[in-house]
Amino acid sequence: MEIQLLLKEKDVVLVLLDGEKFIDEEKWVDENNLLEKFFPIIDEMLSRNNLDISDIKNFTLETNIPAGYTTARIARTIIKTLNFAQKS
């Protein structure tokens, strides 16, 4: 299982995949609150699909936001932290 975080300007999309098979997604407009919304939304998505965070083997990020923007830095930190935690 994989979760992709897609950031396109103010649009945020979390996509749950099993290989290349689409399972679920959540979309919202970022109001400079990515960190506040990310974890409750991912928790709901996992619960809805009878999954646990340990079932996710990879987290990826796709964005067109320049690296210097706070939202992009937060997103990169979230993804790196989740991938690190899964490997530990």
PDB file of N, CA and C in Angstrom:
ATOM      1  N   MET A   1       0.839  -1.180   0.000  1.00  0.00           N
ATOM      2  CA  MET A   1       0.000   0.000   0.000  1.00  0.00           C
ATOM      3  C   MET A   1       0.885   1.244   0.000  1.00  0.00           C
ATOM      4  N   GLU A   2       0.394   2.278  -0.616  1.00  0.00           N
ATOM      5  CA  GLU A   2       1.123   3.532  -0.723  1.00  0.00           C
ATOM      6  C   GLU A   2       0.143   4.687  -0.563  1.00  0.00           C
ATOM      7  N   ILE A   3       0.630   5.756   0.047  1.00  0.00           N
ATOM      8  CA  ILE A   3      -0.145   6.989   0.100  1.00  0.00           C
ATOM      9  C   ILE A   3       0.653   8.072  -0.608  1.00  0.00           C
ATOM     10  N   GLN A   4      -0.004   8.722  -1.553  1.00  0.00           N
ATOM     11  CA  GLN A   4       0.592   9.842  -2.268  1.00  0.00           C
ATOM     12  C   GLN A   4      -0.032  11.137  -1.760  1.00  0.00           C
ATOM     13  N   LEU A   5       0.811  12.105  -1.475  1.00  0.00           N
ATOM     14  CA  LEU A   5       0.375  13.451  -1.131  1.00  0.00           C
ATOM     15  C   LEU A   5       0.652  14.317  -2.342  1.00  0.00           C
ATOM     16  N   LEU A   6      -0.401  14.882  -2.915  1.00  0.00           N
ATOM     17  CA  LEU A   6      -0.280  15.736  -4.096  1.00  0.00           C
ATOM     18  C   LEU A   6      -0.611  17.166  -3.702  1.00  0.00           C
ATOM     19  N   LEU A   7       0.322  18.073  -3.926  1.00  0.00           N
ATOM     20  CA  LEU A   7       0.108  19.496  -3.651  1.00  0.00           C
ATOM     21  C   LEU A   7       0.221  20.257  -4.953  1.00  0.00           C
ATOM     22  N   LYS A   8      -0.837  20.889  -5.333  1.00  0.00           N
ATOM     23  CA  LYS A   8      -0.868  21.711  -6.547  1.00  0.00           C
ATOM     24  C   LYS A   8      -1.445  23.058  -6.180  1.00  0.00           C
ATOM     25  N   GLU A   9      -0.579  24.024  -5.980  1.00  0.00           N
ATOM     26  CA  GLU A   9      -0.960  25.358  -5.530  1.00  0.00           C
ATOM     27  C   GLU A   9      -1.719  25.260  -4.219  1.00  0.00           C
ATOM     28  N   LYS A  10      -3.009  25.502  -4.191  1.00  0.00           N
ATOM     29  CA  LYS A  10      -3.769  25.428  -2.935  1.00  0.00           C
ATOM     30  C   LYS A  10      -4.533  24.118  -2.784  1.00  0.00           C
ATOM     31  N   ASP A  11      -4.478  23.242  -3.781  1.00  0.00           N
ATOM     32  CA  ASP A  11      -5.188  21.972  -3.721  1.00  0.00           C
ATOM     33  C   ASP A  11      -4.318  20.889  -3.097  1.00  0.00           C
ATOM     34  N   VAL A  12      -4.899  20.143  -2.178  1.00  0.00           N
ATOM     35  CA  VAL A  12      -4.220  19.033  -1.523  1.00  0.00           C
ATOM     36  C   VAL A  12      -5.038  17.776  -1.789  1.00  0.00           C
ATOM     37  N   VAL A  13      -4.350  16.715  -2.201  1.00  0.00           N
ATOM     38  CA  VAL A  13      -5.011  15.440  -2.454  1.00  0.00           C
ATOM     39  C   VAL A  13      -4.180  14.335  -1.813  1.00  0.00           C
ATOM     40  N   LEU A  14      -4.826  13.486  -1.036  1.00  0.00           N
ATOM     41  CA  LEU A  14      -4.213  12.270  -0.502  1.00  0.00           C
ATOM     42  C   LEU A  14      -4.807  11.105  -1.264  1.00  0.00           C
ATOM     43  N   VAL A  15      -3.954  10.278  -1.847  1.00  0.00           N
ATOM     44  CA  VAL A  15      -4.407   9.146  -2.640  1.00  0.00           C
ATOM     45  C   VAL A  15      -3.866   7.864  -2.013  1.00  0.00           C
ATOM     46  N   LEU A  16      -4.743   6.913  -1.793  1.00  0.00           N
ATOM     47  CA  LEU A  16      -4.372   5.601  -1.267  1.00  0.00           C
ATOM     48  C   LEU A  16      -4.351   4.624  -2.431  1.00  0.00           C
ATOM     49  N   LEU A  17      -3.212   3.963  -2.616  1.00  0.00           N
ATOM     50  CA  LEU A  17      -3.035   3.020  -3.715  1.00  0.00           C
ATOM     51  C   LEU A  17      -2.581   1.666  -3.197  1.00  0.00           C
ATOM     52  N   ASP A  18      -2.996   0.627  -3.894  1.00  0.00           N
ATOM     53  CA  ASP A  18      -2.477  -0.715  -3.664  1.00  0.00           C
ATOM     54  C   ASP A  18      -1.812  -1.109  -4.975  1.00  0.00           C
ATOM     55  N   GLY A  19      -0.490  -0.951  -5.027  1.00  0.00           N
ATOM     56  CA  GLY A  19       0.212  -1.080  -6.302  1.00  0.00           C
ATOM     57  C   GLY A  19      -0.211   0.082  -7.180  1.00  0.00           C
ATOM     58  N   GLU A  20      -0.748  -0.233  -8.333  1.00  0.00           N
ATOM     59  CA  GLU A  20      -1.265   0.818  -9.211  1.00  0.00           C
ATOM     60  C   GLU A  20      -2.780   0.946  -9.103  1.00  0.00           C
ATOM     61  N   LYS A  21      -3.387   0.157  -8.229  1.00  0.00           N
ATOM     62  CA  LYS A  21      -4.840   0.159  -8.070  1.00  0.00           C
ATOM     63  C   LYS A  21      -5.267   1.275  -7.113  1.00  0.00           C
ATOM     64  N   PHE A  22      -6.143   2.146  -7.589  1.00  0.00           N
ATOM     65  CA  PHE A  22      -6.702   3.223  -6.790  1.00  0.00           C
ATOM     66  C   PHE A  22      -7.646   2.642  -5.747  1.00  0.00           C
ATOM     67  N   ILE A  23      -7.470   3.068  -4.481  1.00  0.00           N
ATOM     68  CA  ILE A  23      -8.331   2.600  -3.404  1.00  0.00           C
ATOM     69  C   ILE A  23      -9.243   3.727  -2.894  1.00  0.00           C
ATOM     70  N   ASP A  24      -8.645   4.906  -2.615  1.00  0.00           N
ATOM     71  CA  ASP A  24      -9.414   5.981  -1.981  1.00  0.00           C
ATOM     72  C   ASP A  24      -8.660   7.290  -2.157  1.00  0.00           C
ATOM     73  N   GLU A  25      -9.371   8.409  -1.957  1.00  0.00           N
ATOM     74  CA  GLU A  25      -8.708   9.709  -1.956  1.00  0.00           C
ATOM     75  C   GLU A  25      -9.496  10.713  -1.134  1.00  0.00           C
ATOM     76  N   GLU A  26      -8.789  11.701  -0.664  1.00  0.00           N
ATOM     77  CA  GLU A  26      -9.365  12.845   0.053  1.00  0.00           C
ATOM     78  C   GLU A  26      -8.789  14.105  -0.571  1.00  0.00           C
ATOM     79  N   LYS A  27      -9.643  15.108  -0.769  1.00  0.00           N
ATOM     80  CA  LYS A  27      -9.222  16.386  -1.354  1.00  0.00           C
ATOM     81  C   LYS A  27      -9.667  17.522  -0.445  1.00  0.00           C
ATOM     82  N   TRP A  28      -8.837  18.561  -0.375  1.00  0.00           N
ATOM     83  CA  TRP A  28      -9.226  19.773   0.323  1.00  0.00           C
ATOM     84  C   TRP A  28      -8.386  20.932  -0.175  1.00  0.00           C
ATOM     85  N   VAL A  29      -8.834  22.124   0.130  1.00  0.00           N
ATOM     86  CA  VAL A  29      -8.105  23.339  -0.225  1.00  0.00           C
ATOM     87  C   VAL A  29      -7.236  23.722   0.966  1.00  0.00           C
ATOM     88  N   ASP A  30      -5.948  23.896   0.708  1.00  0.00           N
ATOM     89  CA  ASP A  30      -5.025  24.268   1.780  1.00  0.00           C
ATOM     90  C   ASP A  30      -5.252  25.720   2.178  1.00  0.00           C
ATOM     91  N   GLU A  31      -5.421  25.916   3.455  1.00  0.00           N
ATOM     92  CA  GLU A  31      -5.580  27.263   4.019  1.00  0.00           C
ATOM     93  C   GLU A  31      -4.452  27.503   5.019  1.00  0.00           C
ATOM     94  N   ASN A  32      -3.240  27.111   4.602  1.00  0.00           N
ATOM     95  CA  ASN A  32      -2.048  27.196   5.447  1.00  0.00           C
ATOM     96  C   ASN A  32      -2.222  26.400   6.735  1.00  0.00           C
ATOM     97  N   ASN A  33      -2.890  25.236   6.613  1.00  0.00           N
ATOM     98  CA  ASN A  33      -3.117  24.376   7.770  1.00  0.00           C
ATOM     99  C   ASN A  33      -2.883  22.907   7.425  1.00  0.00           C
ATOM    100  N   LEU A  34      -1.939  22.647   6.525  1.00  0.00           N
ATOM    101  CA  LEU A  34      -1.658  21.285   6.084  1.00  0.00           C
ATOM    102  C   LEU A  34      -1.342  20.373   7.265  1.00  0.00           C
ATOM    103  N   LEU A  35      -0.476  20.812   8.146  1.00  0.00           N
ATOM    104  CA  LEU A  35      -0.080  19.980   9.283  1.00  0.00           C
ATOM    105  C   LEU A  35      -1.269  19.678  10.191  1.00  0.00           C
ATOM    106  N   GLU A  36      -2.120  20.646  10.386  1.00  0.00           N
ATOM    107  CA  GLU A  36      -3.301  20.484  11.239  1.00  0.00           C
ATOM    108  C   GLU A  36      -4.311  19.496  10.643  1.00  0.00           C
ATOM    109  N   LYS A  37      -4.466  19.500   9.329  1.00  0.00           N
ATOM    110  CA  LYS A  37      -5.488  18.671   8.685  1.00  0.00           C
ATOM    111  C   LYS A  37      -4.982  17.293   8.257  1.00  0.00           C
ATOM    112  N   PHE A  38      -3.696  17.189   7.944  1.00  0.00           N
ATOM    113  CA  PHE A  38      -3.149  15.972   7.346  1.00  0.00           C
ATOM    114  C   PHE A  38      -3.427  14.720   8.180  1.00  0.00           C
ATOM    115  N   PHE A  39      -3.035  14.730   9.444  1.00  0.00           N
ATOM    116  CA  PHE A  39      -3.125  13.515  10.251  1.00  0.00           C
ATOM    117  C   PHE A  39      -4.559  13.075  10.553  1.00  0.00           C
ATOM    118  N   PRO A  40      -5.479  13.973  10.898  1.00  0.00           N
ATOM    119  CA  PRO A  40      -6.869  13.512  11.067  1.00  0.00           C
ATOM    120  C   PRO A  40      -7.470  12.946   9.772  1.00  0.00           C
ATOM    121  N   ILE A  41      -7.122  13.537   8.647  1.00  0.00           N
ATOM    122  CA  ILE A  41      -7.664  13.065   7.370  1.00  0.00           C
ATOM    123  C   ILE A  41      -7.084  11.709   7.003  1.00  0.00           C
ATOM    124  N   ILE A  42      -5.774  11.537   7.187  1.00  0.00           N
ATOM    125  CA  ILE A  42      -5.170  10.239   6.862  1.00  0.00           C
ATOM    126  C   ILE A  42      -5.695   9.160   7.809  1.00  0.00           C
ATOM    127  N   ASP A  43      -5.914   9.518   9.064  1.00  0.00           N
ATOM    128  CA  ASP A  43      -6.461   8.570  10.030  1.00  0.00           C
ATOM    129  C   ASP A  43      -7.861   8.118   9.614  1.00  0.00           C
ATOM    130  N   GLU A  44      -8.696   9.063   9.202  1.00  0.00           N
ATOM    131  CA  GLU A  44     -10.048   8.724   8.742  1.00  0.00           C
ATOM    132  C   GLU A  44     -10.004   7.848   7.493  1.00  0.00           C
ATOM    133  N   MET A  45      -9.112   8.174   6.560  1.00  0.00           N
ATOM    134  CA  MET A  45      -8.987   7.398   5.330  1.00  0.00           C
ATOM    135  C   MET A  45      -8.586   5.953   5.642  1.00  0.00           C
ATOM    136  N   LEU A  46      -7.615   5.790   6.516  1.00  0.00           N
ATOM    137  CA  LEU A  46      -7.168   4.446   6.878  1.00  0.00           C
ATOM    138  C   LEU A  46      -8.286   3.673   7.584  1.00  0.00           C
ATOM    139  N   SER A  47      -8.973   4.314   8.516  1.00  0.00           N
ATOM    140  CA  SER A  47     -10.075   3.660   9.234  1.00  0.00           C
ATOM    141  C   SER A  47     -11.181   3.225   8.281  1.00  0.00           C
ATOM    142  N   ARG A  48     -11.520   4.107   7.357  1.00  0.00           N
ATOM    143  CA  ARG A  48     -12.580   3.826   6.385  1.00  0.00           C
ATOM    144  C   ARG A  48     -12.249   2.603   5.531  1.00  0.00           C
ATOM    145  N   ASN A  49     -10.943   2.349   5.338  1.00  0.00           N
ATOM    146  CA  ASN A  49     -10.506   1.228   4.509  1.00  0.00           C
ATOM    147  C   ASN A  49      -9.973   0.057   5.335  1.00  0.00           C
ATOM    148  N   ASN A  50     -10.292   0.077   6.637  1.00  0.00           N
ATOM    149  CA  ASN A  50      -9.865  -0.992   7.553  1.00  0.00           C
ATOM    150  C   ASN A  50      -8.364  -1.245   7.498  1.00  0.00           C
ATOM    151  N   LEU A  51      -7.589  -0.145   7.494  1.00  0.00           N
ATOM    152  CA  LEU A  51      -6.136  -0.226   7.448  1.00  0.00           C
ATOM    153  C   LEU A  51      -5.541   0.458   8.666  1.00  0.00           C
ATOM    154  N   ASP A  52      -4.312   0.116   8.935  1.00  0.00           N
ATOM    155  CA  ASP A  52      -3.521   0.747   9.979  1.00  0.00           C
ATOM    156  C   ASP A  52      -2.341   1.437   9.303  1.00  0.00           C
ATOM    157  N   ILE A  53      -1.764   2.401   9.952  1.00  0.00           N
ATOM    158  CA  ILE A  53      -0.624   3.120   9.371  1.00  0.00           C
ATOM    159  C   ILE A  53       0.508   2.154   9.023  1.00  0.00           C
ATOM    160  N   SER A  54       0.636   1.069   9.773  1.00  0.00           N
ATOM    161  CA  SER A  54       1.700   0.089   9.499  1.00  0.00           C
ATOM    162  C   SER A  54       1.457  -0.680   8.191  1.00  0.00           C
ATOM    163  N   ASP A  55       0.238  -0.628   7.651  1.00  0.00           N
ATOM    164  CA  ASP A  55      -0.058  -1.266   6.368  1.00  0.00           C
ATOM    165  C   ASP A  55       0.493  -0.474   5.188  1.00  0.00           C
ATOM    166  N   ILE A  56       0.839   0.773   5.425  1.00  0.00           N
ATOM    167  CA  ILE A  56       1.363   1.633   4.362  1.00  0.00           C
ATOM    168  C   ILE A  56       2.871   1.457   4.294  1.00  0.00           C
ATOM    169  N   LYS A  57       3.350   1.056   3.143  1.00  0.00           N
ATOM    170  CA  LYS A  57       4.778   0.768   2.982  1.00  0.00           C
ATOM    171  C   LYS A  57       5.566   1.938   2.413  1.00  0.00           C
ATOM    172  N   ASN A  58       4.867   2.891   1.795  1.00  0.00           N
ATOM    173  CA  ASN A  58       5.569   4.010   1.179  1.00  0.00           C
ATOM    174  C   ASN A  58       4.668   5.237   1.139  1.00  0.00           C
ATOM    175  N   PHE A  59       5.277   6.370   1.389  1.00  0.00           N
ATOM    176  CA  PHE A  59       4.602   7.665   1.300  1.00  0.00           C
ATOM    177  C   PHE A  59       5.369   8.493   0.278  1.00  0.00           C
ATOM    178  N   THR A  60       4.649   9.102  -0.662  1.00  0.00           N
ATOM    179  CA  THR A  60       5.302   9.911  -1.684  1.00  0.00           C
ATOM    180  C   THR A  60       4.671  11.294  -1.748  1.00  0.00           C
ATOM    181  N   LEU A  61       5.417  12.213  -2.308  1.00  0.00           N
ATOM    182  CA  LEU A  61       4.966  13.595  -2.459  1.00  0.00           C
ATOM    183  C   LEU A  61       5.193  14.043  -3.886  1.00  0.00           C
ATOM    184  N   GLU A  62       4.168  14.641  -4.463  1.00  0.00           N
ATOM    185  CA  GLU A  62       4.281  15.322  -5.751  1.00  0.00           C
ATOM    186  C   GLU A  62       3.774  16.731  -5.548  1.00  0.00           C
ATOM    187  N   THR A  63       4.566  17.707  -5.970  1.00  0.00           N
ATOM    188  CA  THR A  63       4.154  19.090  -5.792  1.00  0.00           C
ATOM    189  C   THR A  63       4.726  19.981  -6.881  1.00  0.00           C
ATOM    190  N   ASN A  64       4.035  21.067  -7.150  1.00  0.00           N
ATOM    191  CA  ASN A  64       4.547  22.087  -8.048  1.00  0.00           C
ATOM    192  C   ASN A  64       4.857  23.369  -7.264  1.00  0.00           C
ATOM    193  N   ILE A  65       4.810  23.258  -5.942  1.00  0.00           N
ATOM    194  CA  ILE A  65       5.089  24.399  -5.070  1.00  0.00           C
ATOM    195  C   ILE A  65       6.598  24.490  -4.859  1.00  0.00           C
ATOM    196  N   PRO A  66       7.200  25.654  -5.028  1.00  0.00           N
ATOM    197  CA  PRO A  66       8.635  25.793  -4.806  1.00  0.00           C
ATOM    198  C   PRO A  66       9.042  25.363  -3.395  1.00  0.00           C
ATOM    199  N   ALA A  67      10.213  24.756  -3.285  1.00  0.00           N
ATOM    200  CA  ALA A  67      10.701  24.173  -2.027  1.00  0.00           C
ATOM    201  C   ALA A  67      10.770  25.181  -0.885  1.00  0.00           C
ATOM    202  N   GLY A  68      10.915  26.461  -1.179  1.00  0.00           N
ATOM    203  CA  GLY A  68      11.044  27.469  -0.138  1.00  0.00           C
ATOM    204  C   GLY A  68       9.748  27.834   0.571  1.00  0.00           C
ATOM    205  N   TYR A  69       8.624  27.426   0.020  1.00  0.00           N
ATOM    206  CA  TYR A  69       7.342  27.764   0.644  1.00  0.00           C
ATOM    207  C   TYR A  69       7.087  26.869   1.849  1.00  0.00           C
ATOM    208  N   THR A  70       6.495  27.430   2.877  1.00  0.00           N
ATOM    209  CA  THR A  70       6.274  26.705   4.124  1.00  0.00           C
ATOM    210  C   THR A  70       5.454  25.443   3.911  1.00  0.00           C
ATOM    211  N   THR A  71       4.405  25.507   3.131  1.00  0.00           N
ATOM    212  CA  THR A  71       3.574  24.324   2.890  1.00  0.00           C
ATOM    213  C   THR A  71       4.390  23.206   2.263  1.00  0.00           C
ATOM    214  N   ALA A  72       5.252  23.537   1.312  1.00  0.00           N
ATOM    215  CA  ALA A  72       6.100  22.517   0.677  1.00  0.00           C
ATOM    216  C   ALA A  72       7.088  21.933   1.680  1.00  0.00           C
ATOM    217  N   ARG A  73       7.656  22.765   2.516  1.00  0.00           N
ATOM    218  CA  ARG A  73       8.606  22.271   3.536  1.00  0.00           C
ATOM    219  C   ARG A  73       7.891  21.359   4.530  1.00  0.00           C
ATOM    220  N   ILE A  74       6.698  21.737   4.949  1.00  0.00           N
ATOM    221  CA  ILE A  74       5.920  20.904   5.878  1.00  0.00           C
ATOM    222  C   ILE A  74       5.588  19.566   5.217  1.00  0.00           C
ATOM    223  N   ALA A  75       5.145  19.594   3.982  1.00  0.00           N
ATOM    224  CA  ALA A  75       4.794  18.361   3.267  1.00  0.00           C
ATOM    225  C   ALA A  75       5.999  17.436   3.156  1.00  0.00           C
ATOM    226  N   ARG A  76       7.144  17.985   2.789  1.00  0.00           N
ATOM    227  CA  ARG A  76       8.357  17.160   2.675  1.00  0.00           C
ATOM    228  C   ARG A  76       8.736  16.553   4.023  1.00  0.00           C
ATOM    229  N   THR A  77       8.615  17.329   5.074  1.00  0.00           N
ATOM    230  CA  THR A  77       8.940  16.838   6.413  1.00  0.00           C
ATOM    231  C   THR A  77       7.987  15.716   6.830  1.00  0.00           C
ATOM    232  N   ILE A  78       6.701  15.880   6.582  1.00  0.00           N
ATOM    233  CA  ILE A  78       5.718  14.840   6.909  1.00  0.00           C
ATOM    234  C   ILE A  78       6.067  13.544   6.188  1.00  0.00           C
ATOM    235  N   ILE A  79       6.296  13.623   4.888  1.00  0.00           N
ATOM    236  CA  ILE A  79       6.561  12.429   4.083  1.00  0.00           C
ATOM    237  C   ILE A  79       7.859  11.765   4.504  1.00  0.00           C
ATOM    238  N   LYS A  80       8.916  12.552   4.696  1.00  0.00           N
ATOM    239  CA  LYS A  80      10.197  11.969   5.130  1.00  0.00           C
ATOM    240  C   LYS A  80      10.054  11.295   6.495  1.00  0.00           C
ATOM    241  N   THR A  81       9.326  11.925   7.412  1.00  0.00           N
ATOM    242  CA  THR A  81       9.143  11.373   8.758  1.00  0.00           C
ATOM    243  C   THR A  81       8.353  10.076   8.707  1.00  0.00           C
ATOM    244  N   LEU A  82       7.277  10.034   7.945  1.00  0.00           N
ATOM    245  CA  LEU A  82       6.479   8.821   7.850  1.00  0.00           C
ATOM    246  C   LEU A  82       7.272   7.679   7.223  1.00  0.00           C
ATOM    247  N   ASN A  83       8.041   7.960   6.170  1.00  0.00           N
ATOM    248  CA  ASN A  83       8.864   6.921   5.558  1.00  0.00           C
ATOM    249  C   ASN A  83       9.953   6.439   6.523  1.00  0.00           C
ATOM    250  N   PHE A  84      10.544   7.345   7.267  1.00  0.00           N
ATOM    251  CA  PHE A  84      11.555   6.964   8.246  1.00  0.00           C
ATOM    252  C   PHE A  84      10.943   6.070   9.316  1.00  0.00           C
ATOM    253  N   ALA A  85       9.776   6.443   9.807  1.00  0.00           N
ATOM    254  CA  ALA A  85       9.097   5.666  10.861  1.00  0.00           C
ATOM    255  C   ALA A  85       8.730   4.267  10.376  1.00  0.00           C
ATOM    256  N   GLN A  86       8.343   4.141   9.108  1.00  0.00           N
ATOM    257  CA  GLN A  86       7.969   2.838   8.575  1.00  0.00           C
ATOM    258  C   GLN A  86       9.173   1.916   8.443  1.00  0.00           C
ATOM    259  N   LYS A  87      10.361   2.478   8.259  1.00  0.00           N
ATOM    260  CA  LYS A  87      11.568   1.666   8.100  1.00  0.00           C
ATOM    261  C   LYS A  87      12.186   1.301   9.442  1.00  0.00           C
ATOM    262  N   SER A  88      11.780   1.973  10.503  1.00  0.00           N
ATOM    263  CA  SER A  88      12.349   1.713  11.831  1.00  0.00           C
ATOM    264  C   SER A  88      11.732   0.517  12.498  1.00  0.00           C
TER     265      SER A  88
END
